Amino acid sequence: MIIKSDVEECKKNLETFIGRTVRLTSNGGRKRIIVHEGILDHCYPNMFTVKCNRKPANSTKEIVSYSYVDVLTKTVHITTVAEAETQAS
């Protein structure tokens, strides 16, 4: 069971990564994995936003949002890009 203090602690942890590049991996259903990579933009009371670059370099930025509950229930896995590259090596 997730309680309010868990959500607040998750928010505090994510606030330390504001301005850093993160990779979000989530389940898109039917064996499809969705990966977003971008800069952690804001941490609001119930959700956080990530500003992602779209594939064509000249296109606009896409903003995706997730709730802290998604992270706590492991629906969304979040890693910093430097951390993910270290694990891959």
Protein backbone atom coordinates (compact mmCIF):
# COMPACT_ATOMS: atom_id res chain seq x y z
CA MET A 1 0.00 0.00 0.00
CA ILE A 2 1.31 3.42 -0.94
CA ILE A 3 0.96 6.16 1.64
CA LYS A 4 1.35 9.91 1.32
CA SER A 5 4.82 9.94 2.87
CA ASP A 6 6.02 7.53 0.15
CA VAL A 7 4.80 9.91 -2.55
CA GLU A 8 6.45 12.88 -0.83
CA GLU A 9 9.74 11.00 -0.52
CA CYS A 10 9.62 10.03 -4.20
CA LYS A 11 8.99 13.68 -5.10
CA LYS A 12 11.98 14.83 -3.01
CA ASN A 13 14.22 12.25 -4.67
CA LEU A 14 13.14 13.29 -8.16
CA GLU A 15 13.59 16.99 -7.37
CA THR A 16 17.33 16.38 -7.06
CA PHE A 17 17.38 15.36 -10.74
CA ILE A 18 15.67 18.48 -12.13
CA GLY A 19 17.65 19.70 -15.13
CA ARG A 20 19.31 16.32 -15.72
CA THR A 21 18.67 13.97 -18.61
CA VAL A 22 16.58 10.96 -17.63
CA ARG A 23 15.25 7.88 -19.40
CA LEU A 24 11.70 6.70 -18.66
CA THR A 25 10.66 3.19 -19.61
CA SER A 26 7.01 2.16 -19.40
CA ASN A 27 4.82 -0.70 -20.56
CA GLY A 28 2.72 0.23 -23.58
CA GLY A 29 0.69 -2.98 -23.56
CA ARG A 30 0.80 -5.93 -25.94
CA LYS A 31 4.53 -6.47 -25.39
CA ARG A 32 5.32 -2.89 -26.41
CA ILE A 33 7.79 -0.84 -24.36
CA ILE A 34 7.69 2.96 -24.51
CA VAL A 35 10.95 4.82 -23.86
CA HIS A 36 11.14 8.58 -23.40
CA GLU A 37 14.41 10.39 -22.90
CA GLY A 38 14.65 14.03 -21.96
CA ILE A 39 15.29 16.60 -19.28
CA LEU A 40 13.38 16.39 -16.01
CA ASP A 41 11.54 19.70 -16.13
CA HIS A 42 9.25 20.17 -13.10
CA CYS A 43 8.09 18.29 -10.02
CA TYR A 44 4.52 19.18 -9.11
CA PRO A 45 2.66 17.92 -6.01
CA ASN A 46 1.20 14.85 -7.77
CA MET A 47 3.20 14.47 -10.99
CA PHE A 48 6.43 15.36 -12.76
CA THR A 49 7.15 16.43 -16.34
CA VAL A 50 9.96 15.56 -18.72
CA LYS A 51 10.79 17.66 -21.77
CA CYS A 52 11.72 15.22 -24.55
CA ASN A 53 13.32 15.84 -27.91
CA ARG A 54 11.41 14.35 -30.80
CA LYS A 55 13.27 12.29 -33.36
CA PRO A 56 13.55 14.93 -36.11
CA ALA A 57 16.03 17.47 -34.78
CA ASN A 58 14.08 20.50 -36.04
CA SER A 59 10.72 19.54 -34.51
CA THR A 60 9.25 20.90 -31.30
CA LYS A 61 9.83 19.41 -27.89
CA GLU A 62 7.35 16.95 -26.45
CA ILE A 63 6.40 17.16 -22.77
CA VAL A 64 5.37 13.95 -21.05
CA SER A 65 4.05 13.66 -17.52
CA TYR A 66 3.91 10.81 -15.06
CA SER A 67 2.68 10.50 -11.51
CA TYR A 68 4.87 9.52 -8.57
CA VAL A 69 2.56 6.54 -8.03
CA ASP A 70 3.63 5.24 -11.46
CA VAL A 71 7.23 5.21 -10.22
CA LEU A 72 6.35 3.68 -6.85
CA THR A 73 4.31 0.87 -8.41
CA LYS A 74 7.09 0.28 -10.96
CA THR A 75 4.80 0.99 -13.89
CA VAL A 76 7.48 3.48 -14.98
CA HIS A 77 11.20 2.89 -14.50
CA ILE A 78 13.31 6.02 -14.34
CA THR A 79 17.10 6.24 -14.66
CA THR A 80 19.52 9.04 -15.34
CA VAL A 81 21.17 8.76 -18.73
CA ALA A 82 24.69 8.66 -17.25
CA GLU A 83 23.55 5.83 -14.92
CA ALA A 84 21.98 3.90 -17.81
CA GLU A 85 25.13 4.21 -19.95
CA THR A 86 27.28 2.95 -17.06
CA GLN A 87 25.05 -0.13 -16.66
CA ALA A 88 25.23 -0.85 -20.40
CA SER A 89 29.06 -0.80 -20.43
